[in-house]
Amino acid sequence: MGGKTSLAGVTTYISPEWKKELEEWAQEEERSVSWILLKLIGNALQQRRQEKETIRGKEALSVAGKSKAASEQN
């Protein structure tokens, strides 16, 4: 199959124990270790984005609440 892909490559180093565990997981799922890592990274990034949005939303509410309180005092 092979061929060109639009995905960027990344190299990292992990402990042999983690590698073995990932290989076992990949085998159980009938997937490659790369596929497992791609999904883990994708899920972590999605969670991070959602947390940042939650923080931004809370900050916006806080700023709006302070502005409202300040205008009510005047």
PDB file of N, CA and C in Angstrom:
ATOM      1  N   MET A   1       0.846  -1.177   0.000  1.00  0.00           N
ATOM      2  CA  MET A   1       0.000   0.000   0.000  1.00  0.00           C
ATOM      3  C   MET A   1       0.888   1.237   0.000  1.00  0.00           C
ATOM      4  N   GLY A   2       1.486   1.623   1.073  1.00  0.00           N
ATOM      5  CA  GLY A   2       2.438   2.725   1.118  1.00  0.00           C
ATOM      6  C   GLY A   2       2.062   3.921   0.276  1.00  0.00           C
ATOM      7  N   GLY A   3       2.959   4.844   0.179  1.00  0.00           N
ATOM      8  CA  GLY A   3       2.712   6.033  -0.612  1.00  0.00           C
ATOM      9  C   GLY A   3       2.932   7.284   0.202  1.00  0.00           C
ATOM     10  N   LYS A   4       2.784   8.408  -0.471  1.00  0.00           N
ATOM     11  CA  LYS A   4       2.977   9.681   0.199  1.00  0.00           C
ATOM     12  C   LYS A   4       1.806   9.977   1.120  1.00  0.00           C
ATOM     13  N   THR A   5       2.113  10.686   2.176  1.00  0.00           N
ATOM     14  CA  THR A   5       1.088  11.063   3.139  1.00  0.00           C
ATOM     15  C   THR A   5       1.244  12.535   3.480  1.00  0.00           C
ATOM     16  N   SER A   6       0.162  13.143   3.914  1.00  0.00           N
ATOM     17  CA  SER A   6       0.220  14.551   4.296  1.00  0.00           C
ATOM     18  C   SER A   6       0.538  14.707   5.783  1.00  0.00           C
ATOM     19  N   LEU A   7       0.823  13.605   6.445  1.00  0.00           N
ATOM     20  CA  LEU A   7       1.116  13.657   7.869  1.00  0.00           C
ATOM     21  C   LEU A   7       2.596  13.941   8.092  1.00  0.00           C
ATOM     22  N   ALA A   8       2.894  14.711   9.125  1.00  0.00           N
ATOM     23  CA  ALA A   8       4.275  15.023   9.478  1.00  0.00           C
ATOM     24  C   ALA A   8       4.806  13.952  10.427  1.00  0.00           C
ATOM     25  N   GLY A   9       6.059  13.628  10.294  1.00  0.00           N
ATOM     26  CA  GLY A   9       6.675  12.641  11.170  1.00  0.00           C
ATOM     27  C   GLY A   9       7.207  13.278  12.442  1.00  0.00           C
ATOM     28  N   VAL A  10       7.159  12.526  13.529  1.00  0.00           N
ATOM     29  CA  VAL A  10       7.683  12.967  14.816  1.00  0.00           C
ATOM     30  C   VAL A  10       8.428  11.778  15.415  1.00  0.00           C
ATOM     31  N   THR A  11       9.563  12.052  16.013  1.00  0.00           N
ATOM     32  CA  THR A  11      10.334  10.994  16.658  1.00  0.00           C
ATOM     33  C   THR A  11      10.407  11.267  18.145  1.00  0.00           C
ATOM     34  N   THR A  12      10.239  10.227  18.941  1.00  0.00           N
ATOM     35  CA  THR A  12      10.381  10.348  20.385  1.00  0.00           C
ATOM     36  C   THR A  12      11.020   9.079  20.915  1.00  0.00           C
ATOM     37  N   TYR A  13      11.461   9.145  22.140  1.00  0.00           N
ATOM     38  CA  TYR A  13      12.070   7.990  22.778  1.00  0.00           C
ATOM     39  C   TYR A  13      11.272   7.651  24.028  1.00  0.00           C
ATOM     40  N   ILE A  14      10.957   6.368  24.178  1.00  0.00           N
ATOM     41  CA  ILE A  14      10.194   5.910  25.331  1.00  0.00           C
ATOM     42  C   ILE A  14      10.903   4.702  25.947  1.00  0.00           C
ATOM     43  N   SER A  15      10.484   4.368  27.133  1.00  0.00           N
ATOM     44  CA  SER A  15      11.103   3.222  27.807  1.00  0.00           C
ATOM     45  C   SER A  15      10.729   1.934  27.064  1.00  0.00           C
ATOM     46  N   PRO A  16      11.591   0.931  27.154  1.00  0.00           N
ATOM     47  CA  PRO A  16      11.274  -0.356  26.523  1.00  0.00           C
ATOM     48  C   PRO A  16       9.970  -0.951  27.051  1.00  0.00           C
ATOM     49  N   GLU A  17       9.659  -0.699  28.323  1.00  0.00           N
ATOM     50  CA  GLU A  17       8.414  -1.221  28.900  1.00  0.00           C
ATOM     51  C   GLU A  17       7.192  -0.601  28.220  1.00  0.00           C
ATOM     52  N   TRP A  18       7.242   0.716  28.014  1.00  0.00           N
ATOM     53  CA  TRP A  18       6.133   1.394  27.326  1.00  0.00           C
ATOM     54  C   TRP A  18       6.005   0.890  25.904  1.00  0.00           C
ATOM     55  N   LYS A  19       7.133   0.724  25.242  1.00  0.00           N
ATOM     56  CA  LYS A  19       7.098   0.241  23.854  1.00  0.00           C
ATOM     57  C   LYS A  19       6.447  -1.130  23.776  1.00  0.00           C
ATOM     58  N   LYS A  20       6.832  -2.009  24.692  1.00  0.00           N
ATOM     59  CA  LYS A  20       6.257  -3.354  24.714  1.00  0.00           C
ATOM     60  C   LYS A  20       4.755  -3.284  24.950  1.00  0.00           C
ATOM     61  N   GLU A  21       4.353  -2.452  25.896  1.00  0.00           N
ATOM     62  CA  GLU A  21       2.926  -2.318  26.197  1.00  0.00           C
ATOM     63  C   GLU A  21       2.157  -1.766  24.998  1.00  0.00           C
ATOM     64  N   LEU A  22       2.733  -0.778  24.324  1.00  0.00           N
ATOM     65  CA  LEU A  22       2.090  -0.232  23.125  1.00  0.00           C
ATOM     66  C   LEU A  22       1.992  -1.279  22.015  1.00  0.00           C
ATOM     67  N   GLU A  23       3.032  -2.071  21.863  1.00  0.00           N
ATOM     68  CA  GLU A  23       3.006  -3.123  20.843  1.00  0.00           C
ATOM     69  C   GLU A  23       1.923  -4.160  21.142  1.00  0.00           C
ATOM     70  N   GLU A  24       1.778  -4.518  22.414  1.00  0.00           N
ATOM     71  CA  GLU A  24       0.728  -5.462  22.804  1.00  0.00           C
ATOM     72  C   GLU A  24      -0.654  -4.874  22.542  1.00  0.00           C
ATOM     73  N   TRP A  25      -0.817  -3.599  22.889  1.00  0.00           N
ATOM     74  CA  TRP A  25      -2.096  -2.913  22.668  1.00  0.00           C
ATOM     75  C   TRP A  25      -2.412  -2.883  21.178  1.00  0.00           C
ATOM     76  N   ALA A  26      -1.425  -2.513  20.383  1.00  0.00           N
ATOM     77  CA  ALA A  26      -1.626  -2.436  18.938  1.00  0.00           C
ATOM     78  C   ALA A  26      -2.008  -3.801  18.368  1.00  0.00           C
ATOM     79  N   GLN A  27      -1.360  -4.838  18.847  1.00  0.00           N
ATOM     80  CA  GLN A  27      -1.669  -6.184  18.362  1.00  0.00           C
ATOM     81  C   GLN A  27      -3.102  -6.571  18.722  1.00  0.00           C
ATOM     82  N   GLU A  28      -3.511  -6.262  19.963  1.00  0.00           N
ATOM     83  CA  GLU A  28      -4.883  -6.562  20.403  1.00  0.00           C
ATOM     84  C   GLU A  28      -5.911  -5.843  19.535  1.00  0.00           C
ATOM     85  N   GLU A  29      -5.588  -4.617  19.140  1.00  0.00           N
ATOM     86  CA  GLU A  29      -6.511  -3.794  18.345  1.00  0.00           C
ATOM     87  C   GLU A  29      -6.366  -4.043  16.841  1.00  0.00           C
ATOM     88  N   GLU A  30      -5.398  -4.879  16.495  1.00  0.00           N
ATOM     89  CA  GLU A  30      -5.070  -5.124  15.085  1.00  0.00           C
ATOM     90  C   GLU A  30      -4.762  -3.809  14.366  1.00  0.00           C
ATOM     91  N   ARG A  31      -3.958  -3.012  15.024  1.00  0.00           N
ATOM     92  CA  ARG A  31      -3.521  -1.713  14.518  1.00  0.00           C
ATOM     93  C   ARG A  31      -2.019  -1.618  14.662  1.00  0.00           C
ATOM     94  N   SER A  32      -1.457  -0.558  14.132  1.00  0.00           N
ATOM     95  CA  SER A  32      -0.030  -0.305  14.309  1.00  0.00           C
ATOM     96  C   SER A  32       0.181   0.554  15.557  1.00  0.00           C
ATOM     97  N   VAL A  33       1.405   0.519  16.065  1.00  0.00           N
ATOM     98  CA  VAL A  33       1.756   1.384  17.192  1.00  0.00           C
ATOM     99  C   VAL A  33       1.572   2.840  16.772  1.00  0.00           C
ATOM    100  N   SER A  34       1.937   3.161  15.555  1.00  0.00           N
ATOM    101  CA  SER A  34       1.770   4.536  15.066  1.00  0.00           C
ATOM    102  C   SER A  34       0.312   4.967  15.119  1.00  0.00           C
ATOM    103  N   TRP A  35      -0.600   4.085  14.747  1.00  0.00           N
ATOM    104  CA  TRP A  35      -2.025   4.414  14.762  1.00  0.00           C
ATOM    105  C   TRP A  35      -2.489   4.669  16.197  1.00  0.00           C
ATOM    106  N   ILE A  36      -2.048   3.801  17.131  1.00  0.00           N
ATOM    107  CA  ILE A  36      -2.410   3.981  18.542  1.00  0.00           C
ATOM    108  C   ILE A  36      -1.909   5.334  19.031  1.00  0.00           C
ATOM    109  N   LEU A  37      -0.654   5.656  18.733  1.00  0.00           N
ATOM    110  CA  LEU A  37      -0.085   6.936  19.174  1.00  0.00           C
ATOM    111  C   LEU A  37      -0.803   8.118  18.529  1.00  0.00           C
ATOM    112  N   LEU A  38      -1.149   7.994  17.257  1.00  0.00           N
ATOM    113  CA  LEU A  38      -1.881   9.058  16.570  1.00  0.00           C
ATOM    114  C   LEU A  38      -3.202   9.336  17.278  1.00  0.00           C
ATOM    115  N   LYS A  39      -3.922   8.282  17.644  1.00  0.00           N
ATOM    116  CA  LYS A  39      -5.204   8.455  18.335  1.00  0.00           C
ATOM    117  C   LYS A  39      -5.010   9.033  19.737  1.00  0.00           C
ATOM    118  N   LEU A  40      -3.987   8.565  20.462  1.00  0.00           N
ATOM    119  CA  LEU A  40      -3.728   9.097  21.799  1.00  0.00           C
ATOM    120  C   LEU A  40      -3.386  10.586  21.750  1.00  0.00           C
ATOM    121  N   ILE A  41      -2.546  10.955  20.821  1.00  0.00           N
ATOM    122  CA  ILE A  41      -2.163  12.367  20.686  1.00  0.00           C
ATOM    123  C   ILE A  41      -3.364  13.200  20.272  1.00  0.00           C
ATOM    124  N   GLY A  42      -4.142  12.704  19.321  1.00  0.00           N
ATOM    125  CA  GLY A  42      -5.336  13.421  18.873  1.00  0.00           C
ATOM    126  C   GLY A  42      -6.317  13.642  20.015  1.00  0.00           C
ATOM    127  N   ASN A  43      -6.546  12.604  20.827  1.00  0.00           N
ATOM    128  CA  ASN A  43      -7.460  12.733  21.972  1.00  0.00           C
ATOM    129  C   ASN A  43      -6.923  13.723  22.998  1.00  0.00           C
ATOM    130  N   ALA A  44      -5.617  13.670  23.263  1.00  0.00           N
ATOM    131  CA  ALA A  44      -5.016  14.589  24.239  1.00  0.00           C
ATOM    132  C   ALA A  44      -5.120  16.037  23.759  1.00  0.00           C
ATOM    133  N   LEU A  45      -4.878  16.262  22.476  1.00  0.00           N
ATOM    134  CA  LEU A  45      -4.981  17.625  21.936  1.00  0.00           C
ATOM    135  C   LEU A  45      -6.416  18.131  21.961  1.00  0.00           C
ATOM    136  N   GLN A  46      -7.359  17.250  21.656  1.00  0.00           N
ATOM    137  CA  GLN A  46      -8.770  17.646  21.699  1.00  0.00           C
ATOM    138  C   GLN A  46      -9.174  18.016  23.130  1.00  0.00           C
ATOM    139  N   GLN A  47      -8.750  17.209  24.095  1.00  0.00           N
ATOM    140  CA  GLN A  47      -9.053  17.509  25.493  1.00  0.00           C
ATOM    141  C   GLN A  47      -8.426  18.835  25.904  1.00  0.00           C
ATOM    142  N   ARG A  48      -7.194  19.080  25.490  1.00  0.00           N
ATOM    143  CA  ARG A  48      -6.503  20.322  25.829  1.00  0.00           C
ATOM    144  C   ARG A  48      -7.240  21.530  25.246  1.00  0.00           C
ATOM    145  N   ARG A  49      -7.682  21.401  23.996  1.00  0.00           N
ATOM    146  CA  ARG A  49      -8.438  22.507  23.369  1.00  0.00           C
ATOM    147  C   ARG A  49      -9.722  22.786  24.129  1.00  0.00           C
ATOM    148  N   GLN A  50     -10.423  21.725  24.528  1.00  0.00           N
ATOM    149  CA  GLN A  50     -11.676  21.902  25.260  1.00  0.00           C
ATOM    150  C   GLN A  50     -11.421  22.567  26.614  1.00  0.00           C
ATOM    151  N   GLU A  51     -10.346  22.169  27.277  1.00  0.00           N
ATOM    152  CA  GLU A  51     -10.020  22.784  28.570  1.00  0.00           C
ATOM    153  C   GLU A  51      -9.676  24.258  28.394  1.00  0.00           C
ATOM    154  N   LYS A  52      -8.939  24.584  27.332  1.00  0.00           N
ATOM    155  CA  LYS A  52      -8.601  25.983  27.077  1.00  0.00           C
ATOM    156  C   LYS A  52      -9.854  26.790  26.779  1.00  0.00           C
ATOM    157  N   GLU A  53     -10.788  26.221  26.028  1.00  0.00           N
ATOM    158  CA  GLU A  53     -12.045  26.917  25.731  1.00  0.00           C
ATOM    159  C   GLU A  53     -12.845  27.147  27.008  1.00  0.00           C
ATOM    160  N   THR A  54     -12.854  26.161  27.898  1.00  0.00           N
ATOM    161  CA  THR A  54     -13.558  26.296  29.168  1.00  0.00           C
ATOM    162  C   THR A  54     -12.945  27.423  29.989  1.00  0.00           C
ATOM    163  N   ILE A  55     -11.621  27.464  30.026  1.00  0.00           N
ATOM    164  CA  ILE A  55     -10.931  28.526  30.767  1.00  0.00           C
ATOM    165  C   ILE A  55     -11.237  29.883  30.153  1.00  0.00           C
ATOM    166  N   ARG A  56     -11.189  29.976  28.822  1.00  0.00           N
ATOM    167  CA  ARG A  56     -11.510  31.251  28.150  1.00  0.00           C
ATOM    168  C   ARG A  56     -12.935  31.680  28.449  1.00  0.00           C
ATOM    169  N   GLY A  57     -13.848  30.717  28.435  1.00  0.00           N
ATOM    170  CA  GLY A  57     -15.246  31.036  28.737  1.00  0.00           C
ATOM    171  C   GLY A  57     -15.414  31.558  30.143  1.00  0.00           C
ATOM    172  N   LYS A  58     -14.735  30.915  31.092  1.00  0.00           N
ATOM    173  CA  LYS A  58     -14.815  31.366  32.489  1.00  0.00           C
ATOM    174  C   LYS A  58     -14.190  32.739  32.641  1.00  0.00           C
ATOM    175  N   GLU A  59     -13.076  32.986  31.944  1.00  0.00           N
ATOM    176  CA  GLU A  59     -12.428  34.300  32.007  1.00  0.00           C
ATOM    177  C   GLU A  59     -13.343  35.372  31.413  1.00  0.00           C
ATOM    178  N   ALA A  60     -14.014  35.048  30.321  1.00  0.00           N
ATOM    179  CA  ALA A  60     -14.920  36.007  29.696  1.00  0.00           C
ATOM    180  C   ALA A  60     -16.082  36.326  30.633  1.00  0.00           C
ATOM    181  N   LEU A  61     -16.607  35.298  31.296  1.00  0.00           N
ATOM    182  CA  LEU A  61     -17.690  35.530  32.247  1.00  0.00           C
ATOM    183  C   LEU A  61     -17.216  36.369  33.421  1.00  0.00           C
ATOM    184  N   SER A  62     -16.002  36.124  33.866  1.00  0.00           N
ATOM    185  CA  SER A  62     -15.440  36.883  34.983  1.00  0.00           C
ATOM    186  C   SER A  62     -15.269  38.348  34.610  1.00  0.00           C
ATOM    187  N   VAL A  63     -14.748  38.598  33.418  1.00  0.00           N
ATOM    188  CA  VAL A  63     -14.554  39.977  32.951  1.00  0.00           C
ATOM    189  C   VAL A  63     -15.905  40.658  32.790  1.00  0.00           C
ATOM    190  N   ALA A  64     -16.870  39.938  32.212  1.00  0.00           N
ATOM    191  CA  ALA A  64     -18.203  40.516  32.023  1.00  0.00           C
ATOM    192  C   ALA A  64     -18.838  40.817  33.374  1.00  0.00           C
ATOM    193  N   GLY A  65     -18.667  39.933  34.339  1.00  0.00           N
ATOM    194  CA  GLY A  65     -19.228  40.140  35.667  1.00  0.00           C
ATOM    195  C   GLY A  65     -18.606  41.326  36.357  1.00  0.00           C
ATOM    196  N   LYS A  66     -17.307  41.500  36.215  1.00  0.00           N
ATOM    197  CA  LYS A  66     -16.614  42.649  36.820  1.00  0.00           C
ATOM    198  C   LYS A  66     -17.057  43.943  36.160  1.00  0.00           C
ATOM    199  N   SER A  67     -17.223  43.920  34.835  1.00  0.00           N
ATOM    200  CA  SER A  67     -17.663  45.120  34.119  1.00  0.00           C
ATOM    201  C   SER A  67     -19.072  45.511  34.550  1.00  0.00           C
ATOM    202  N   LYS A  68     -19.932  44.505  34.691  1.00  0.00           N
ATOM    203  CA  LYS A  68     -21.312  44.764  35.106  1.00  0.00           C
ATOM    204  C   LYS A  68     -21.335  45.342  36.522  1.00  0.00           C
ATOM    205  N   ALA A  69     -20.550  44.740  37.403  1.00  0.00           N
ATOM    206  CA  ALA A  69     -20.494  45.213  38.793  1.00  0.00           C
ATOM    207  C   ALA A  69     -19.975  46.654  38.862  1.00  0.00           C
ATOM    208  N   ALA A  70     -18.967  46.953  38.051  1.00  0.00           N
ATOM    209  CA  ALA A  70     -18.400  48.307  38.047  1.00  0.00           C
ATOM    210  C   ALA A  70     -19.414  49.317  37.510  1.00  0.00           C
ATOM    211  N   SER A  71     -20.171  48.956  36.484  1.00  0.00           N
ATOM    212  CA  SER A  71     -21.149  49.882  35.934  1.00  0.00           C
ATOM    213  C   SER A  71     -22.330  50.083  36.898  1.00  0.00           C
ATOM    214  N   GLU A  72     -22.649  49.061  37.685  1.00  0.00           N
ATOM    215  CA  GLU A  72     -23.740  49.190  38.655  1.00  0.00           C
ATOM    216  C   GLU A  72     -23.331  50.085  39.821  1.00  0.00           C
ATOM    217  N   GLN A  73     -22.038  50.151  40.109  1.00  0.00           N
ATOM    218  CA  GLN A  73     -21.568  50.998  41.208  1.00  0.00           C
ATOM    219  C   GLN A  73     -21.591  52.469  40.810  1.00  0.00           C
ATOM    220  N   ASN A  74     -21.516  52.736  39.529  1.00  0.00           N
ATOM    221  CA  ASN A  74     -21.486  54.129  39.041  1.00  0.00           C
ATOM    222  C   ASN A  74     -22.846  54.663  38.906  1.00  0.00           C
TER     223      ASN A  74
END
